[in-house]
All heavy atoms as atom14 arrays in JSON, in Angstrom:
{
  "sequence": "AEVINTYNEHDLARILRVYGEEKFASQIAREIVRRREQEPIETTGQ",
  "atom14_mask": [
    [1, 1, 1, 1, 1, 0, 0, 0, 0, 0, 0, 0, 0, 0],
    [1, 1, 1, 1, 1, 1, 1, 1, 1, 0, 0, 0, 0, 0],
    [1, 1, 1, 1, 1, 1, 1, 0, 0, 0, 0, 0, 0, 0],
    [1, 1, 1, 1, 1, 1, 1, 1, 0, 0, 0, 0, 0, 0],
    [1, 1, 1, 1, 1, 1, 1, 1, 0, 0, 0, 0, 0, 0],
    [1, 1, 1, 1, 1, 1, 1, 0, 0, 0, 0, 0, 0, 0],
    [1, 1, 1, 1, 1, 1, 1, 1, 1, 1, 1, 1, 0, 0],
    [1, 1, 1, 1, 1, 1, 1, 1, 0, 0, 0, 0, 0, 0],
    [1, 1, 1, 1, 1, 1, 1, 1, 1, 0, 0, 0, 0, 0],
    [1, 1, 1, 1, 1, 1, 1, 1, 1, 1, 0, 0, 0, 0],
    [1, 1, 1, 1, 1, 1, 1, 1, 0, 0, 0, 0, 0, 0],
    [1, 1, 1, 1, 1, 1, 1, 1, 0, 0, 0, 0, 0, 0],
    [1, 1, 1, 1, 1, 0, 0, 0, 0, 0, 0, 0, 0, 0],
    [1, 1, 1, 1, 1, 1, 1, 1, 1, 1, 1, 0, 0, 0],
    [1, 1, 1, 1, 1, 1, 1, 1, 0, 0, 0, 0, 0, 0],
    [1, 1, 1, 1, 1, 1, 1, 1, 0, 0, 0, 0, 0, 0],
    [1, 1, 1, 1, 1, 1, 1, 1, 1, 1, 1, 0, 0, 0],
    [1, 1, 1, 1, 1, 1, 1, 0, 0, 0, 0, 0, 0, 0],
    [1, 1, 1, 1, 1, 1, 1, 1, 1, 1, 1, 1, 0, 0],
    [1, 1, 1, 1, 0, 0, 0, 0, 0, 0, 0, 0, 0, 0],
    [1, 1, 1, 1, 1, 1, 1, 1, 1, 0, 0, 0, 0, 0],
    [1, 1, 1, 1, 1, 1, 1, 1, 1, 0, 0, 0, 0, 0],
    [1, 1, 1, 1, 1, 1, 1, 1, 1, 0, 0, 0, 0, 0],
    [1, 1, 1, 1, 1, 1, 1, 1, 1, 1, 1, 0, 0, 0],
    [1, 1, 1, 1, 1, 0, 0, 0, 0, 0, 0, 0, 0, 0],
    [1, 1, 1, 1, 1, 1, 0, 0, 0, 0, 0, 0, 0, 0],
    [1, 1, 1, 1, 1, 1, 1, 1, 1, 0, 0, 0, 0, 0],
    [1, 1, 1, 1, 1, 1, 1, 1, 0, 0, 0, 0, 0, 0],
    [1, 1, 1, 1, 1, 0, 0, 0, 0, 0, 0, 0, 0, 0],
    [1, 1, 1, 1, 1, 1, 1, 1, 1, 1, 1, 0, 0, 0],
    [1, 1, 1, 1, 1, 1, 1, 1, 1, 0, 0, 0, 0, 0],
    [1, 1, 1, 1, 1, 1, 1, 1, 0, 0, 0, 0, 0, 0],
    [1, 1, 1, 1, 1, 1, 1, 0, 0, 0, 0, 0, 0, 0],
    [1, 1, 1, 1, 1, 1, 1, 1, 1, 1, 1, 0, 0, 0],
    [1, 1, 1, 1, 1, 1, 1, 1, 1, 1, 1, 0, 0, 0],
    [1, 1, 1, 1, 1, 1, 1, 1, 1, 1, 1, 0, 0, 0],
    [1, 1, 1, 1, 1, 1, 1, 1, 1, 0, 0, 0, 0, 0],
    [1, 1, 1, 1, 1, 1, 1, 1, 1, 0, 0, 0, 0, 0],
    [1, 1, 1, 1, 1, 1, 1, 1, 1, 0, 0, 0, 0, 0],
    [1, 1, 1, 1, 1, 1, 1, 0, 0, 0, 0, 0, 0, 0],
    [1, 1, 1, 1, 1, 1, 1, 1, 0, 0, 0, 0, 0, 0],
    [1, 1, 1, 1, 1, 1, 1, 1, 1, 0, 0, 0, 0, 0],
    [1, 1, 1, 1, 1, 1, 1, 0, 0, 0, 0, 0, 0, 0],
    [1, 1, 1, 1, 1, 1, 1, 0, 0, 0, 0, 0, 0, 0],
    [1, 1, 1, 1, 0, 0, 0, 0, 0, 0, 0, 0, 0, 0],
    [1, 1, 1, 1, 1, 1, 1, 1, 1, 0, 0, 0, 0, 0]
  ],
  "atom14_positions": [
    [[-1.82, -65.48, -51.12], [-1.4, -66.47, -50.13], [-1.99, -67.84, -50.44], [-1.32, -68.87, -50.29], [-1.82, -66.01, -48.74], [0.0, 0.0, 0.0], [0.0, 0.0, 0.0], [0.0, 0.0, 0.0], [0.0, 0.0, 0.0], [0.0, 0.0, 0.0], [0.0, 0.0, 0.0], [0.0, 0.0, 0.0], [0.0, 0.0, 0.0], [0.0, 0.0, 0.0]],
    [[-3.25, -67.87, -50.88], [-3.89, -69.15, -51.21], [-3.23, -69.78, -52.43], [-3.04, -71.01, -52.48], [-5.37, -68.92, -51.45], [-6.14, -68.55, -50.19], [-7.59, -68.24, -50.5], [-7.88, -67.1, -50.91], [-8.45, -69.12, -50.32], [0.0, 0.0, 0.0], [0.0, 0.0, 0.0], [0.0, 0.0, 0.0], [0.0, 0.0, 0.0], [0.0, 0.0, 0.0]],
    [[-2.88, -68.97, -53.42], [-2.2, -69.5, -54.6], [-0.87, -70.12, -54.2], [-0.54, -71.26, -54.56], [-1.98, -68.39, -55.65], [-1.07, -68.89, -56.77], [-3.3, -67.92, -56.22], [0.0, 0.0, 0.0], [0.0, 0.0, 0.0], [0.0, 0.0, 0.0], [0.0, 0.0, 0.0], [0.0, 0.0, 0.0], [0.0, 0.0, 0.0], [0.0, 0.0, 0.0]],
    [[-0.09, -69.38, -53.42], [1.26, -69.82, -53.06], [1.22, -71.03, -52.13], [2.09, -71.92, -52.22], [2.03, -68.65, -52.42], [2.29, -67.57, -53.48], [3.34, -69.12, -51.79], [2.84, -66.28, -52.92], [0.0, 0.0, 0.0], [0.0, 0.0, 0.0], [0.0, 0.0, 0.0], [0.0, 0.0, 0.0], [0.0, 0.0, 0.0], [0.0, 0.0, 0.0]],
    [[0.22, -71.11, -51.27], [0.19, -72.19, -50.27], [-0.59, -73.43, -50.7], [-0.49, -74.48, -50.05], [-0.4, -71.67, -48.96], [0.57, -70.78, -48.19], [1.56, -71.24, -47.64], [0.29, -69.49, -48.18], [0.0, 0.0, 0.0], [0.0, 0.0, 0.0], [0.0, 0.0, 0.0], [0.0, 0.0, 0.0], [0.0, 0.0, 0.0], [0.0, 0.0, 0.0]],
    [[-1.35, -73.35, -51.79], [-2.19, -74.49, -52.17], [-1.88, -75.07, -53.55], [-2.15, -76.24, -53.8], [-3.69, -74.11, -52.13], [-3.95, -73.07, -53.09], [-4.08, -73.64, -50.74], [0.0, 0.0, 0.0], [0.0, 0.0, 0.0], [0.0, 0.0, 0.0], [0.0, 0.0, 0.0], [0.0, 0.0, 0.0], [0.0, 0.0, 0.0], [0.0, 0.0, 0.0]],
    [[-1.33, -74.27, -54.47], [-1.03, -74.79, -55.8], [0.14, -75.77, -55.72], [1.06, -75.59, -54.91], [-0.66, -73.65, -56.75], [-1.83, -72.88, -57.31], [-3.03, -72.76, -56.6], [-1.75, -72.24, -58.53], [-4.09, -72.03, -57.09], [-2.81, -71.5, -59.04], [-3.97, -71.4, -58.32], [-5.02, -70.67, -58.82], [0.0, 0.0, 0.0], [0.0, 0.0, 0.0]],
    [[0.11, -76.8, -56.56], [1.22, -77.75, -56.56], [2.44, -77.15, -57.24], [2.36, -76.1, -57.9], [0.82, -79.08, -57.2], [0.42, -78.93, -58.67], [1.08, -78.27, -59.45], [-0.69, -79.57, -59.04], [0.0, 0.0, 0.0], [0.0, 0.0, 0.0], [0.0, 0.0, 0.0], [0.0, 0.0, 0.0], [0.0, 0.0, 0.0], [0.0, 0.0, 0.0]],
    [[3.57, -77.82, -57.1], [4.83, -77.29, -57.6], [4.81, -77.08, -59.12], [5.33, -76.08, -59.63], [5.98, -78.24, -57.22], [7.35, -77.75, -57.65], [8.47, -78.7, -57.22], [8.29, -79.42, -56.22], [9.51, -78.72, -57.91], [0.0, 0.0, 0.0], [0.0, 0.0, 0.0], [0.0, 0.0, 0.0], [0.0, 0.0, 0.0], [0.0, 0.0, 0.0]],
    [[4.2, -78.02, -59.83], [4.14, -77.9, -61.29], [3.37, -76.65, -61.71], [3.82, -75.9, -62.59], [3.48, -79.15, -61.88], [3.24, -79.06, -63.36], [4.25, -79.23, -64.29], [2.1, -78.8, -64.06], [3.75, -79.08, -65.5], [2.46, -78.82, -65.4], [0.0, 0.0, 0.0], [0.0, 0.0, 0.0], [0.0, 0.0, 0.0], [0.0, 0.0, 0.0]],
    [[2.2, -76.41, -61.1], [1.4, -75.25, -61.47], [2.09, -73.95, -61.08], [2.01, -72.95, -61.81], [0.02, -75.33, -60.8], [-0.89, -76.35, -61.47], [-0.61, -76.71, -62.63], [-1.85, -76.81, -60.82], [0.0, 0.0, 0.0], [0.0, 0.0, 0.0], [0.0, 0.0, 0.0], [0.0, 0.0, 0.0], [0.0, 0.0, 0.0], [0.0, 0.0, 0.0]],
    [[2.74, -73.92, -59.93], [3.47, -72.72, -59.52], [4.58, -72.4, -60.51], [4.77, -71.25, -60.91], [4.05, -72.91, -58.12], [3.06, -72.87, -56.96], [3.73, -73.29, -55.66], [2.47, -71.46, -56.8], [0.0, 0.0, 0.0], [0.0, 0.0, 0.0], [0.0, 0.0, 0.0], [0.0, 0.0, 0.0], [0.0, 0.0, 0.0], [0.0, 0.0, 0.0]],
    [[5.31, -73.43, -60.92], [6.39, -73.22, -61.89], [5.84, -72.71, -63.22], [6.43, -71.81, -63.85], [7.17, -74.51, -62.09], [0.0, 0.0, 0.0], [0.0, 0.0, 0.0], [0.0, 0.0, 0.0], [0.0, 0.0, 0.0], [0.0, 0.0, 0.0], [0.0, 0.0, 0.0], [0.0, 0.0, 0.0], [0.0, 0.0, 0.0], [0.0, 0.0, 0.0]],
    [[4.71, -73.27, -63.64], [4.09, -72.83, -64.91], [3.68, -71.36, -64.83], [3.92, -70.58, -65.76], [2.87, -73.7, -65.22], [2.07, -73.24, -66.42], [0.82, -74.09, -66.61], [-0.01, -74.1, -65.42], [-0.86, -73.13, -65.08], [-0.97, -72.04, -65.85], [-1.6, -73.23, -63.99], [0.0, 0.0, 0.0], [0.0, 0.0, 0.0], [0.0, 0.0, 0.0]],
    [[3.05, -70.97, -63.72], [2.59, -69.58, -63.56], [3.78, -68.62, -63.57], [3.76, -67.58, -64.25], [1.8, -69.45, -62.24], [0.46, -70.18, -62.36], [1.56, -67.97, -61.9], [-0.25, -70.36, -61.05], [0.0, 0.0, 0.0], [0.0, 0.0, 0.0], [0.0, 0.0, 0.0], [0.0, 0.0, 0.0], [0.0, 0.0, 0.0], [0.0, 0.0, 0.0]],
    [[4.83, -68.96, -62.83], [6.0, -68.1, -62.77], [6.7, -68.0, -64.12], [7.19, -66.94, -64.52], [6.98, -68.62, -61.72], [6.48, -68.61, -60.26], [7.48, -69.3, -59.35], [6.24, -67.18, -59.79], [0.0, 0.0, 0.0], [0.0, 0.0, 0.0], [0.0, 0.0, 0.0], [0.0, 0.0, 0.0], [0.0, 0.0, 0.0], [0.0, 0.0, 0.0]],
    [[6.71, -69.11, -64.86], [7.39, -69.14, -66.16], [6.58, -68.41, -67.23], [7.13, -67.61, -68.0], [7.62, -70.58, -66.59], [8.42, -70.72, -67.89], [8.6, -72.18, -68.29], [9.24, -72.95, -67.24], [8.61, -73.87, -66.48], [7.31, -74.11, -66.68], [9.26, -74.53, -65.56], [0.0, 0.0, 0.0], [0.0, 0.0, 0.0], [0.0, 0.0, 0.0]],
    [[5.28, -68.66, -67.26], [4.44, -68.09, -68.33], [4.06, -66.65, -68.04], [4.21, -65.77, -68.9], [3.17, -68.95, -68.51], [2.24, -68.31, -69.54], [3.54, -70.36, -68.95], [0.0, 0.0, 0.0], [0.0, 0.0, 0.0], [0.0, 0.0, 0.0], [0.0, 0.0, 0.0], [0.0, 0.0, 0.0], [0.0, 0.0, 0.0], [0.0, 0.0, 0.0]],
    [[3.56, -66.37, -66.83], [3.07, -65.03, -66.51], [4.19, -64.08, -66.08], [4.06, -62.86, -66.23], [2.03, -65.09, -65.4], [0.75, -65.79, -65.8], [-0.14, -66.26, -64.83], [0.41, -65.97, -67.13], [-1.32, -66.89, -65.18], [-0.77, -66.6, -67.49], [-1.63, -67.07, -66.51], [-2.79, -67.69, -66.86], [0.0, 0.0, 0.0], [0.0, 0.0, 0.0]],
    [[5.27, -64.62, -65.52], [6.36, -63.76, -65.08], [7.58, -63.83, -65.96], [8.52, -63.06, -65.78], [0.0, 0.0, 0.0], [0.0, 0.0, 0.0], [0.0, 0.0, 0.0], [0.0, 0.0, 0.0], [0.0, 0.0, 0.0], [0.0, 0.0, 0.0], [0.0, 0.0, 0.0], [0.0, 0.0, 0.0], [0.0, 0.0, 0.0], [0.0, 0.0, 0.0]],
    [[7.58, -64.8, -66.9], [8.75, -65.02, -67.76], [10.01, -65.13, -66.91], [11.06, -64.58, -67.23], [8.87, -63.89, -68.8], [7.66, -63.82, -69.72], [7.77, -62.72, -70.75], [7.93, -61.56, -70.36], [7.71, -63.03, -71.96], [0.0, 0.0, 0.0], [0.0, 0.0, 0.0], [0.0, 0.0, 0.0], [0.0, 0.0, 0.0], [0.0, 0.0, 0.0]],
    [[9.86, -65.87, -65.81], [10.94, -66.06, -64.85], [11.81, -67.24, -65.25], [11.32, -68.37, -65.37], [10.36, -66.27, -63.44], [11.36, -66.61, -62.36], [12.47, -65.59, -62.24], [12.19, -64.45, -61.78], [13.61, -65.93, -62.62], [0.0, 0.0, 0.0], [0.0, 0.0, 0.0], [0.0, 0.0, 0.0], [0.0, 0.0, 0.0], [0.0, 0.0, 0.0]],
    [[13.08, -66.97, -65.46], [14.02, -67.99, -65.9], [14.2, -69.09, -64.86], [14.4, -70.26, -65.2], [15.36, -67.32, -66.21], [16.45, -68.26, -66.69], [17.72, -67.48, -66.98], [18.85, -68.4, -67.43], [20.11, -67.65, -67.68], [0.0, 0.0, 0.0], [0.0, 0.0, 0.0], [0.0, 0.0, 0.0], [0.0, 0.0, 0.0], [0.0, 0.0, 0.0]],
    [[14.09, -68.73, -63.58], [14.33, -69.68, -62.5], [13.01, -70.13, -61.86], [12.93, -70.34, -60.65], [15.26, -69.07, -61.46], [16.59, -68.63, -62.02], [16.81, -67.3, -62.33], [17.58, -69.56, -62.27], [18.02, -66.89, -62.85], [18.81, -69.16, -62.8], [19.03, -67.82, -63.1], [0.0, 0.0, 0.0], [0.0, 0.0, 0.0], [0.0, 0.0, 0.0]],
    [[11.98, -70.27, -62.68], [10.65, -70.62, -62.18], [10.64, -71.94, -61.42], [10.03, -72.05, -60.34], [9.65, -70.66, -63.33], [0.0, 0.0, 0.0], [0.0, 0.0, 0.0], [0.0, 0.0, 0.0], [0.0, 0.0, 0.0], [0.0, 0.0, 0.0], [0.0, 0.0, 0.0], [0.0, 0.0, 0.0], [0.0, 0.0, 0.0], [0.0, 0.0, 0.0]],
    [[11.28, -72.94, -61.95], [11.27, -74.26, -61.31], [11.95, -74.22, -59.95], [11.47, -74.82, -58.98], [11.96, -75.29, -62.21], [11.26, -75.45, -63.43], [0.0, 0.0, 0.0], [0.0, 0.0, 0.0], [0.0, 0.0, 0.0], [0.0, 0.0, 0.0], [0.0, 0.0, 0.0], [0.0, 0.0, 0.0], [0.0, 0.0, 0.0], [0.0, 0.0, 0.0]],
    [[13.09, -73.52, -59.88], [13.8, -73.43, -58.6], [12.98, -72.68, -57.55], [12.93, -73.07, -56.39], [15.15, -72.73, -58.81], [16.14, -73.51, -59.66], [16.06, -73.14, -61.13], [14.96, -72.99, -61.67], [17.22, -73.01, -61.77], [0.0, 0.0, 0.0], [0.0, 0.0, 0.0], [0.0, 0.0, 0.0], [0.0, 0.0, 0.0], [0.0, 0.0, 0.0]],
    [[12.32, -71.59, -57.96], [11.51, -70.81, -57.02], [10.32, -71.64, -56.55], [9.97, -71.65, -55.37], [11.05, -69.5, -57.67], [12.25, -68.6, -57.98], [10.07, -68.76, -56.75], [11.91, -67.36, -58.78], [0.0, 0.0, 0.0], [0.0, 0.0, 0.0], [0.0, 0.0, 0.0], [0.0, 0.0, 0.0], [0.0, 0.0, 0.0], [0.0, 0.0, 0.0]],
    [[9.65, -72.34, -57.48], [8.5, -73.18, -57.12], [8.91, -74.27, -56.14], [8.18, -74.57, -55.17], [7.88, -73.79, -58.37], [0.0, 0.0, 0.0], [0.0, 0.0, 0.0], [0.0, 0.0, 0.0], [0.0, 0.0, 0.0], [0.0, 0.0, 0.0], [0.0, 0.0, 0.0], [0.0, 0.0, 0.0], [0.0, 0.0, 0.0], [0.0, 0.0, 0.0]],
    [[10.07, -74.85, -56.37], [10.56, -75.9, -55.47], [10.83, -75.33, -54.07], [10.5, -75.95, -53.05], [11.84, -76.5, -56.05], [12.31, -77.77, -55.33], [13.57, -78.33, -55.97], [13.37, -78.54, -57.41], [14.08, -77.89, -58.35], [15.0, -77.01, -58.0], [13.86, -78.13, -59.62], [0.0, 0.0, 0.0], [0.0, 0.0, 0.0], [0.0, 0.0, 0.0]],
    [[11.38, -74.12, -54.02], [11.66, -73.49, -52.73], [10.36, -73.11, -52.01], [10.27, -73.21, -50.79], [12.52, -72.24, -52.95], [12.99, -71.56, -51.68], [13.95, -72.39, -50.86], [14.52, -73.37, -51.4], [14.14, -72.06, -49.67], [0.0, 0.0, 0.0], [0.0, 0.0, 0.0], [0.0, 0.0, 0.0], [0.0, 0.0, 0.0], [0.0, 0.0, 0.0]],
    [[9.34, -72.68, -52.77], [8.04, -72.36, -52.17], [7.47, -73.58, -51.47], [7.01, -73.51, -50.32], [7.07, -71.84, -53.25], [7.47, -70.45, -53.73], [5.63, -71.81, -52.7], [6.65, -69.95, -54.91], [0.0, 0.0, 0.0], [0.0, 0.0, 0.0], [0.0, 0.0, 0.0], [0.0, 0.0, 0.0], [0.0, 0.0, 0.0], [0.0, 0.0, 0.0]],
    [[7.46, -74.71, -52.17], [6.91, -75.94, -51.61], [7.69, -76.37, -50.37], [7.11, -76.8, -49.36], [6.9, -77.06, -52.67], [6.49, -78.39, -52.06], [5.97, -76.69, -53.82], [0.0, 0.0, 0.0], [0.0, 0.0, 0.0], [0.0, 0.0, 0.0], [0.0, 0.0, 0.0], [0.0, 0.0, 0.0], [0.0, 0.0, 0.0], [0.0, 0.0, 0.0]],
    [[9.0, -76.25, -50.42], [9.84, -76.64, -49.27], [9.55, -75.76, -48.05], [9.38, -76.26, -46.93], [11.32, -76.54, -49.64], [12.27, -77.12, -48.58], [13.71, -76.93, -48.99], [14.13, -75.54, -48.87], [14.5, -74.97, -47.71], [14.46, -75.67, -46.58], [14.87, -73.71, -47.69], [0.0, 0.0, 0.0], [0.0, 0.0, 0.0], [0.0, 0.0, 0.0]],
    [[9.45, -74.45, -48.27], [9.23, -73.52, -47.15], [7.83, -73.67, -46.54], [7.67, -73.57, -45.33], [9.43, -72.09, -47.62], [10.85, -71.75, -48.01], [11.76, -71.59, -46.81], [13.06, -71.08, -47.23], [13.39, -69.79, -47.23], [12.52, -68.87, -46.83], [14.59, -69.41, -47.63], [0.0, 0.0, 0.0], [0.0, 0.0, 0.0], [0.0, 0.0, 0.0]],
    [[6.82, -73.86, -47.4], [5.46, -73.93, -46.86], [5.21, -75.21, -46.08], [4.24, -75.29, -45.31], [4.44, -73.76, -47.98], [4.24, -74.96, -48.87], [3.38, -74.62, -50.07], [3.04, -75.81, -50.84], [2.46, -75.78, -52.05], [2.19, -74.61, -52.62], [2.16, -76.91, -52.67], [0.0, 0.0, 0.0], [0.0, 0.0, 0.0], [0.0, 0.0, 0.0]],
    [[6.04, -76.21, -46.27], [5.94, -77.41, -45.44], [6.37, -77.12, -44.0], [5.95, -77.81, -43.07], [6.81, -78.53, -46.03], [6.25, -79.1, -47.34], [7.18, -80.14, -47.95], [8.31, -80.28, -47.44], [6.76, -80.79, -48.93], [0.0, 0.0, 0.0], [0.0, 0.0, 0.0], [0.0, 0.0, 0.0], [0.0, 0.0, 0.0], [0.0, 0.0, 0.0]],
    [[7.19, -76.1, -43.83], [7.66, -75.72, -42.5], [6.67, -74.77, -41.81], [6.38, -74.91, -40.63], [9.03, -75.05, -42.61], [10.09, -75.93, -43.26], [11.37, -75.17, -43.55], [11.53, -74.02, -43.16], [12.3, -75.83, -44.25], [0.0, 0.0, 0.0], [0.0, 0.0, 0.0], [0.0, 0.0, 0.0], [0.0, 0.0, 0.0], [0.0, 0.0, 0.0]],
    [[6.13, -73.79, -42.57], [5.15, -72.84, -42.06], [4.43, -72.19, -43.23], [4.98, -72.1, -44.33], [5.83, -71.77, -41.19], [6.84, -70.92, -41.95], [7.4, -69.81, -41.08], [6.82, -69.53, -40.02], [8.43, -69.22, -41.49], [0.0, 0.0, 0.0], [0.0, 0.0, 0.0], [0.0, 0.0, 0.0], [0.0, 0.0, 0.0], [0.0, 0.0, 0.0]],
    [[3.2, -71.71, -43.02], [2.48, -71.05, -44.11], [3.21, -69.79, -44.57], [3.81, -69.08, -43.76], [1.13, -70.7, -43.47], [1.0, -71.63, -42.31], [2.39, -71.85, -41.8], [0.0, 0.0, 0.0], [0.0, 0.0, 0.0], [0.0, 0.0, 0.0], [0.0, 0.0, 0.0], [0.0, 0.0, 0.0], [0.0, 0.0, 0.0], [0.0, 0.0, 0.0]],
    [[3.14, -69.52, -45.86], [3.73, -68.3, -46.43], [2.62, -67.25, -46.49], [1.71, -67.35, -47.31], [4.31, -68.59, -47.83], [5.31, -69.73, -47.76], [4.95, -67.32, -48.41], [5.71, -70.27, -49.12], [0.0, 0.0, 0.0], [0.0, 0.0, 0.0], [0.0, 0.0, 0.0], [0.0, 0.0, 0.0], [0.0, 0.0, 0.0], [0.0, 0.0, 0.0]],
    [[2.7, -66.25, -45.63], [1.57, -65.33, -45.46], [1.92, -63.87, -45.75], [1.02, -63.04, -45.82], [1.03, -65.44, -44.03], [0.46, -66.83, -43.73], [-0.02, -66.95, -42.29], [0.42, -66.13, -41.46], [-0.83, -67.86, -42.02], [0.0, 0.0, 0.0], [0.0, 0.0, 0.0], [0.0, 0.0, 0.0], [0.0, 0.0, 0.0], [0.0, 0.0, 0.0]],
    [[3.19, -63.52, -45.88], [3.55, -62.11, -46.08], [4.43, -61.95, -47.31], [5.08, -62.89, -47.78], [4.31, -61.56, -44.86], [5.59, -62.19, -44.77], [3.53, -61.79, -43.58], [0.0, 0.0, 0.0], [0.0, 0.0, 0.0], [0.0, 0.0, 0.0], [0.0, 0.0, 0.0], [0.0, 0.0, 0.0], [0.0, 0.0, 0.0], [0.0, 0.0, 0.0]],
    [[4.45, -60.71, -47.81], [5.29, -60.41, -48.97], [6.77, -60.56, -48.62], [7.58, -60.96, -49.46], [5.03, -58.98, -49.46], [5.21, -58.06, -48.38], [3.6, -58.85, -49.99], [0.0, 0.0, 0.0], [0.0, 0.0, 0.0], [0.0, 0.0, 0.0], [0.0, 0.0, 0.0], [0.0, 0.0, 0.0], [0.0, 0.0, 0.0], [0.0, 0.0, 0.0]],
    [[7.12, -60.25, -47.38], [8.51, -60.4, -46.95], [8.98, -61.84, -47.03], [10.1, -62.12, -47.49], [0.0, 0.0, 0.0], [0.0, 0.0, 0.0], [0.0, 0.0, 0.0], [0.0, 0.0, 0.0], [0.0, 0.0, 0.0], [0.0, 0.0, 0.0], [0.0, 0.0, 0.0], [0.0, 0.0, 0.0], [0.0, 0.0, 0.0], [0.0, 0.0, 0.0]],
    [[8.13, -62.77, -46.59], [8.47, -64.19, -46.7], [8.65, -64.59, -48.16], [9.58, -65.32, -48.51], [7.36, -65.05, -46.07], [7.27, -65.0, -44.57], [6.08, -65.82, -44.08], [4.94, -65.37, -44.16], [6.36, -67.03, -43.6], [0.0, 0.0, 0.0], [0.0, 0.0, 0.0], [0.0, 0.0, 0.0], [0.0, 0.0, 0.0], [0.0, 0.0, 0.0]]
  ]
}
């Protein structure tokens, strides 16, 4: 939760791309930042 809610968009995208080999890392990181501005991301379901 701390990683997802505190890391900046660039670092989140890098982690998803490098450690997860996720093709859509940038899009997911952008969506994380957008959602956490509305409310904290605290569960796996979110």
